[in-house]
Amino acid sequence: MPLANKNINAPGGTADGSTDGPTAPFEAEAPKGKPGKRRRSTIGTKPRMSQSFNNALEGIIYTLKTERNIRVHFLVGVLVIAGSLFLNIDRSDLVLIILSVAFVLVTELINTAVEKALDLMTTAYHPLAKLVKDISAGAVFIAAITAVIVGYLVLFKDLKPHIFSAIRAVKGSPEYVTLISFTLVIVVVILGKVLLGRGAPLHGGMPSGHSAVSFAVFAIVTLVTENPLVSVLVFLLALIIADARIRRGVHTWREIVAGAMLGIGLVTLNYWLFLT
């Protein structure tokens, strides 16, 4: 039939009209792009050394950006190593410090890799996955405790003279005691609000930060100047600040009283410990 004969001369056609014959004309078609060049496959090949270093640095940078714990450990490690260099400790002790810091950071990296691998394998909760993460976190904890012990054994003998000289300087200087007292009042106020879960760190809640700071200033002025008139004036200013916080509805009188007692108490305790 005429229709069947048309497939005889067609590429890949046969005399019976089928197309199951060789398809060499189609397989010989050149790939698109520049003639004579083929793209080399990278499957199974090892990356270059520069690329390996780049991959390693990208992993470290990613972990530092996304994991809070390793950022803390990295910062503490840098400070400890810098302090060791400042103290001019022995070379063997410095090696121990560097190895301890590196040990903590390596375990943190491994812990992060394990967590990411488990998250890739499953997104559902599984007790075995939790157990693996807990074990990995335990390894980091042991490394951190070991580093603290090594740091104490190596650095304390060098830090001891500086610590005692600093304590003697603070005991003889009201300015340092004032700064320590003022800072301590602010820190304790913020911690109290966080632990009690009432108010923002800098607004509202128990105890009143404004009351604590203003009455701390009153206590500092009273202890430093020993001038009754100045003390009374500062006390009146502290009362005005406390009254304004109550009128604006930011604090209750209980929160105001708690802040005032905290500020006066911490300042008095610090001056009694350091200057008597």
Foldseek 3Di string as FASTA:
>chain_A
DVVQCVQCPPQCGNSRNDNPGDNVVVVPDADDDDPPDDDDDCPPPDDDPVVVVVVVVVLLVVCCVPPPVLVVLVVVLVVLLVVCVVLVFDPVLSVVLNVLSVQLNVLSSVLVVLLVVLCVVDVDDDPVSVVVSVVSVVSNVVSVVVSVVSSCVRCCVSCVVVVVVVLLVQLVDLVNLLVVLLVVLLVVQQVVCVVVVADHSQFADAAHSLLLNLLLVLLSCCVPVVDVVVSVVSVVVSVVSLVVCVVVVRYDVVNNVRSNCSNNVSSVVSCVVRHD
